[in-house]
C-alpha atoms as a PDB file:
ATOM      1  CA  UNK A   1     -94.103 -51.229 -50.306  1.00  0.00           C
ATOM      2  CA  UNK A   2     -90.765 -52.579 -49.579  1.00  0.00           C
ATOM      3  CA  UNK A   3     -91.111 -53.005 -45.628  1.00  0.00           C
ATOM      4  CA  UNK A   4     -94.419 -54.799 -46.253  1.00  0.00           C
ATOM      5  CA  UNK A   5     -92.667 -57.218 -48.797  1.00  0.00           C
ATOM      6  CA  UNK A   6     -89.881 -57.773 -46.304  1.00  0.00           C
ATOM      7  CA  UNK A   7     -92.269 -58.360 -43.520  1.00  0.00           C
ATOM      8  CA  UNK A   8     -94.050 -61.047 -45.745  1.00  0.00           C
ATOM      9  CA  UNK A   9     -90.802 -62.744 -46.579  1.00  0.00           C
ATOM     10  CA  UNK A  10     -89.624 -62.698 -42.783  1.00  0.00           C
ATOM     11  CA  UNK A  11     -93.028 -64.493 -41.939  1.00  0.00           C
ATOM     12  CA  UNK A  12     -92.825 -67.000 -44.611  1.00  0.00           C
ATOM     13  CA  UNK A  13     -89.210 -67.836 -43.693  1.00  0.00           C
ATOM     14  CA  UNK A  14     -90.443 -68.022 -39.888  1.00  0.00           C
ATOM     15  CA  UNK A  15     -93.063 -70.283 -40.681  1.00  0.00           C
ATOM     16  CA  UNK A  16     -90.745 -72.541 -42.698  1.00  0.00           C
ATOM     17  CA  UNK A  17     -88.422 -72.546 -39.576  1.00  0.00           C
ATOM     18  CA  UNK A  18     -91.539 -73.592 -37.387  1.00  0.00           C
ATOM     19  CA  UNK A  19     -92.017 -76.572 -39.797  1.00  0.00           C
ATOM     20  CA  UNK A  20     -88.386 -77.619 -39.652  1.00  0.00           C
ATOM     21  CA  UNK A  21     -88.550 -77.584 -35.728  1.00  0.00           C
ATOM     22  CA  UNK A  22     -91.152 -80.240 -35.410  1.00  0.00           C
ATOM     23  CA  UNK A  23     -90.427 -83.207 -33.268  1.00  0.00           C
ATOM     24  CA  UNK A  24     -88.949 -86.287 -34.655  1.00  0.00           C
ATOM     25  CA  UNK A  25     -92.344 -87.856 -34.971  1.00  0.00           C
ATOM     26  CA  UNK A  26     -94.166 -85.525 -37.326  1.00  0.00           C
ATOM     27  CA  UNK A  27     -97.537 -86.932 -36.517  1.00  0.00           C
ATOM     28  CA  UNK A  28     -97.168 -86.242 -32.776  1.00  0.00           C
ATOM     29  CA  UNK A  29     -99.549 -83.887 -31.135  1.00  0.00           C
ATOM     30  CA  UNK A  30     -97.844 -81.511 -28.729  1.00  0.00           C
ATOM     31  CA  UNK A  31     -99.231 -81.986 -25.241  1.00  0.00           C
ATOM     32  CA  UNK A  32    -101.653 -79.162 -24.111  1.00  0.00           C
ATOM     33  CA  UNK A  33    -100.056 -76.977 -21.558  1.00  0.00           C
ATOM     34  CA  UNK A  34    -101.438 -77.496 -18.087  1.00  0.00           C
ATOM     35  CA  UNK A  35    -104.208 -75.039 -17.946  1.00  0.00           C
ATOM     36  CA  UNK A  36    -104.053 -74.790 -14.121  1.00  0.00           C
ATOM     37  CA  UNK A  37    -100.908 -73.025 -14.420  1.00  0.00           C
ATOM     38  CA  UNK A  38    -100.773 -69.310 -14.900  1.00  0.00           C
ATOM     39  CA  UNK A  39     -97.839 -67.044 -14.658  1.00  0.00           C
ATOM     40  CA  UNK A  40     -99.336 -64.357 -12.523  1.00  0.00           C
ATOM     41  CA  UNK A  41    -102.146 -66.005 -10.609  1.00  0.00           C
ATOM     42  CA  UNK A  42    -103.326 -69.513  -9.348  1.00  0.00           C
ATOM     43  CA  UNK A  43    -101.069 -72.325 -10.003  1.00  0.00           C
ATOM     44  CA  UNK A  44     -97.912 -70.392 -10.333  1.00  0.00           C
ATOM     45  CA  UNK A  45     -96.588 -72.024  -7.121  1.00  0.00           C
ATOM     46  CA  UNK A  46     -96.359 -75.178  -9.142  1.00  0.00           C
ATOM     47  CA  UNK A  47     -93.566 -73.798 -11.386  1.00  0.00           C
ATOM     48  CA  UNK A  48     -89.895 -73.986 -10.151  1.00  0.00           C
ATOM     49  CA  UNK A  49     -87.804 -71.188 -11.753  1.00  0.00           C
ATOM     50  CA  UNK A  50     -84.190 -71.022 -11.981  1.00  0.00           C
ATOM     51  CA  UNK A  51     -83.621 -74.734 -11.195  1.00  0.00           C
ATOM     52  CA  UNK A  52     -82.413 -75.155 -14.727  1.00  0.00           C
ATOM     53  CA  UNK A  53     -80.149 -72.914 -16.638  1.00  0.00           C
ATOM     54  CA  UNK A  54     -81.538 -71.036 -19.721  1.00  0.00           C
ATOM     55  CA  UNK A  55     -80.191 -71.574 -23.365  1.00  0.00           C
ATOM     56  CA  UNK A  56     -79.319 -68.561 -25.361  1.00  0.00           C
ATOM     57  CA  UNK A  57     -80.085 -67.979 -29.041  1.00  0.00           C
ATOM     58  CA  UNK A  58     -78.533 -65.458 -31.489  1.00  0.00           C
ATOM     59  CA  UNK A  59     -80.687 -62.519 -32.247  1.00  0.00           C
ATOM     60  CA  UNK A  60     -83.245 -63.310 -34.992  1.00  0.00           C
ATOM     61  CA  UNK A  61     -82.374 -67.140 -34.747  1.00  0.00           C
ATOM     62  CA  UNK A  62     -84.229 -70.211 -33.565  1.00  0.00           C
ATOM     63  CA  UNK A  63     -81.397 -72.551 -33.935  1.00  0.00           C
ATOM     64  CA  UNK A  64     -79.373 -73.775 -31.079  1.00  0.00           C
ATOM     65  CA  UNK A  65     -75.995 -72.095 -30.578  1.00  0.00           C
ATOM     66  CA  UNK A  66     -72.840 -74.160 -31.056  1.00  0.00           C
ATOM     67  CA  UNK A  67     -74.300 -76.757 -33.320  1.00  0.00           C
ATOM     68  CA  UNK A  68     -71.521 -77.808 -35.727  1.00  0.00           C
ATOM     69  CA  UNK A  69     -70.983 -81.106 -37.750  1.00  0.00           C
ATOM     70  CA  UNK A  70     -67.759 -81.964 -35.590  1.00  0.00           C
ATOM     71  CA  UNK A  71     -68.553 -80.259 -32.321  1.00  0.00           C
ATOM     72  CA  UNK A  72     -70.845 -81.083 -29.419  1.00  0.00           C
ATOM     73  CA  UNK A  73     -73.775 -78.517 -28.563  1.00  0.00           C
ATOM     74  CA  UNK A  74     -72.544 -75.599 -26.496  1.00  0.00           C
ATOM     75  CA  UNK A  75     -75.804 -76.187 -24.634  1.00  0.00           C
ATOM     76  CA  UNK A  76     -75.138 -79.888 -23.979  1.00  0.00           C
ATOM     77  CA  UNK A  77     -74.669 -79.273 -20.124  1.00  0.00           C
ATOM     78  CA  UNK A  78     -77.890 -77.376 -19.890  1.00  0.00           C
ATOM     79  CA  UNK A  79     -79.892 -79.968 -21.804  1.00  0.00           C
ATOM     80  CA  UNK A  80     -78.424 -82.744 -19.868  1.00  0.00           C
ATOM     81  CA  UNK A  81     -79.681 -81.160 -16.690  1.00  0.00           C
ATOM     82  CA  UNK A  82     -83.132 -80.768 -18.226  1.00  0.00           C
ATOM     83  CA  UNK A  83     -82.936 -84.522 -19.315  1.00  0.00           C
ATOM     84  CA  UNK A  84     -81.992 -85.510 -15.696  1.00  0.00           C
ATOM     85  CA  UNK A  85     -85.127 -83.915 -14.418  1.00  0.00           C
ATOM     86  CA  UNK A  86     -87.315 -85.486 -17.122  1.00  0.00           C
ATOM     87  CA  UNK A  87     -85.776 -88.801 -16.262  1.00  0.00           C
ATOM     88  CA  UNK A  88     -86.833 -88.347 -12.751  1.00  0.00           C
ATOM     89  CA  UNK A  89     -90.374 -88.150 -13.924  1.00  0.00           C
ATOM     90  CA  UNK A  90     -90.717 -84.375 -13.563  1.00  0.00           C
ATOM     91  CA  UNK A  91     -92.484 -82.321 -16.322  1.00  0.00           C
ATOM     92  CA  UNK A  92     -90.775 -79.372 -17.822  1.00  0.00           C
ATOM     93  CA  UNK A  93     -92.291 -76.291 -19.254  1.00  0.00           C
ATOM     94  CA  UNK A  94     -90.008 -74.904 -22.189  1.00  0.00           C
ATOM     95  CA  UNK A  95     -90.453 -71.267 -22.339  1.00  0.00           C
ATOM     96  CA  UNK A  96     -89.348 -69.405 -25.499  1.00  0.00           C
ATOM     97  CA  UNK A  97     -88.512 -65.521 -25.321  1.00  0.00           C
ATOM     98  CA  UNK A  98     -88.682 -63.340 -28.447  1.00  0.00           C
ATOM     99  CA  UNK A  99     -86.317 -60.692 -29.436  1.00  0.00           C
ATOM    100  CA  UNK A 100     -86.935 -57.282 -28.019  1.00  0.00           C
ATOM    101  CA  UNK A 101     -86.209 -55.481 -31.137  1.00  0.00           C
ATOM    102  CA  UNK A 102     -89.184 -57.109 -33.152  1.00  0.00           C
ATOM    103  CA  UNK A 103     -93.000 -56.469 -32.988  1.00  0.00           C
ATOM    104  CA  UNK A 104     -94.680 -58.461 -30.135  1.00  0.00           C
ATOM    105  CA  UNK A 105     -96.408 -60.951 -32.752  1.00  0.00           C
ATOM    106  CA  UNK A 106     -93.126 -61.863 -34.447  1.00  0.00           C
ATOM    107  CA  UNK A 107     -91.460 -62.111 -31.036  1.00  0.00           C
ATOM    108  CA  UNK A 108     -94.055 -64.599 -30.093  1.00  0.00           C
ATOM    109  CA  UNK A 109     -93.456 -66.614 -33.291  1.00  0.00           C
ATOM    110  CA  UNK A 110     -89.656 -66.452 -32.661  1.00  0.00           C
ATOM    111  CA  UNK A 111     -90.297 -67.667 -29.008  1.00  0.00           C
ATOM    112  CA  UNK A 112     -92.368 -70.575 -29.971  1.00  0.00           C
ATOM    113  CA  UNK A 113     -89.822 -71.614 -32.793  1.00  0.00           C
ATOM    114  CA  UNK A 114     -87.123 -71.472 -30.097  1.00  0.00           C
ATOM    115  CA  UNK A 115     -89.241 -73.434 -27.622  1.00  0.00           C
ATOM    116  CA  UNK A 116     -89.784 -76.057 -30.401  1.00  0.00           C
ATOM    117  CA  UNK A 117     -86.154 -76.265 -31.335  1.00  0.00           C
ATOM    118  CA  UNK A 118     -85.254 -77.014 -27.779  1.00  0.00           C
ATOM    119  CA  UNK A 119     -88.002 -79.632 -27.291  1.00  0.00           C
ATOM    120  CA  UNK A 120     -86.722 -81.466 -30.488  1.00  0.00           C
ATOM    121  CA  UNK A 121     -83.313 -81.467 -28.980  1.00  0.00           C
ATOM    122  CA  UNK A 122     -84.596 -82.681 -25.628  1.00  0.00           C
ATOM    123  CA  UNK A 123     -86.782 -85.637 -27.512  1.00  0.00           C
ATOM    124  CA  UNK A 124     -83.523 -86.689 -29.109  1.00  0.00           C
ATOM    125  CA  UNK A 125     -82.370 -87.823 -25.579  1.00  0.00           C
ATOM    126  CA  UNK A 126     -85.238 -90.101 -25.301  1.00  0.00           C
ATOM    127  CA  UNK A 127     -87.776 -88.711 -22.689  1.00  0.00           C
ATOM    128  CA  UNK A 128     -91.231 -89.217 -22.943  1.00  0.00           C
ATOM    129  CA  UNK A 129     -92.555 -86.419 -25.174  1.00  0.00           C
ATOM    130  CA  UNK A 130     -95.686 -85.883 -22.797  1.00  0.00           C
ATOM    131  CA  UNK A 131     -93.379 -84.560 -20.230  1.00  0.00           C
ATOM    132  CA  UNK A 132     -92.096 -81.577 -22.299  1.00  0.00           C
ATOM    133  CA  UNK A 133     -94.662 -78.679 -22.694  1.00  0.00           C
ATOM    134  CA  UNK A 134     -93.990 -75.639 -24.829  1.00  0.00           C
ATOM    135  CA  UNK A 135     -94.784 -71.944 -24.735  1.00  0.00           C
ATOM    136  CA  UNK A 136     -93.581 -68.707 -26.055  1.00  0.00           C
ATOM    137  CA  UNK A 137     -93.649 -64.969 -25.173  1.00  0.00           C
ATOM    138  CA  UNK A 138     -92.679 -61.787 -26.867  1.00  0.00           C
ATOM    139  CA  UNK A 139     -89.701 -60.196 -24.998  1.00  0.00           C
ATOM    140  CA  UNK A 140     -91.922 -57.512 -23.221  1.00  0.00           C
ATOM    141  CA  UNK A 141     -94.522 -60.223 -21.958  1.00  0.00           C
ATOM    142  CA  UNK A 142     -91.646 -62.345 -20.535  1.00  0.00           C
ATOM    143  CA  UNK A 143     -90.257 -59.381 -18.794  1.00  0.00           C
ATOM    144  CA  UNK A 144     -93.323 -58.921 -16.661  1.00  0.00           C
ATOM    145  CA  UNK A 145     -93.403 -62.618 -15.517  1.00  0.00           C
ATOM    146  CA  UNK A 146     -92.120 -62.684 -11.856  1.00  0.00           C
ATOM    147  CA  UNK A 147     -89.379 -65.416 -11.247  1.00  0.00           C
ATOM    148  CA  UNK A 148     -88.046 -65.292 -14.785  1.00  0.00           C
ATOM    149  CA  UNK A 149     -84.620 -64.272 -15.320  1.00  0.00           C
ATOM    150  CA  UNK A 150     -82.072 -63.113 -17.852  1.00  0.00           C
ATOM    151  CA  UNK A 151     -82.446 -60.689 -20.920  1.00  0.00           C
ATOM    152  CA  UNK A 152     -82.073 -61.279 -24.516  1.00  0.00           C
ATOM    153  CA  UNK A 153     -83.334 -64.152 -26.890  1.00  0.00           C
ATOM    154  CA  UNK A 154     -83.242 -67.483 -24.866  1.00  0.00           C
ATOM    155  CA  UNK A 155     -85.358 -70.336 -23.542  1.00  0.00           C
ATOM    156  CA  UNK A 156     -85.992 -70.696 -19.932  1.00  0.00           C
ATOM    157  CA  UNK A 157     -87.239 -73.971 -18.280  1.00  0.00           C
ATOM    158  CA  UNK A 158     -89.711 -74.279 -15.308  1.00  0.00           C
ATOM    159  CA  UNK A 159     -90.076 -77.736 -13.520  1.00  0.00           C
ATOM    160  CA  UNK A 160     -93.853 -78.259 -12.993  1.00  0.00           C
ATOM    161  CA  UNK A 161     -94.469 -79.667  -9.537  1.00  0.00           C
END
């Protein structure tokens, strides 16, 4: 009984976190992902990987690391590189990666929350919201995507050509 209660509580907390990660314009609809792009098949050549550095998260968290009232984001350099790509008119796919230690569905929810947190931070820099797409994968799903790199809870970026 206790594990089921803990799972329900974790799900409620995760959904509350997802709501907190929404963009600064609460009524804004997220752009639909470009359906011509797949990670394993046609359209994959339109994704430039490893152009932009990943952003790390603490295990179990979807809050950006280094955020403190009196300190800049630890990820400011990485985010500024993404913003530079957006300023050049390029579209970015923000790809959240879930923790390896959690069930796949929970990992996908974590991953999406992470991608939305990064999208929100990017939009605070002022780019056109339609240039920033989001998706999320459980850790085992992401491990099978050719071209992705790194391990652990993170957000990766792909520039859409």
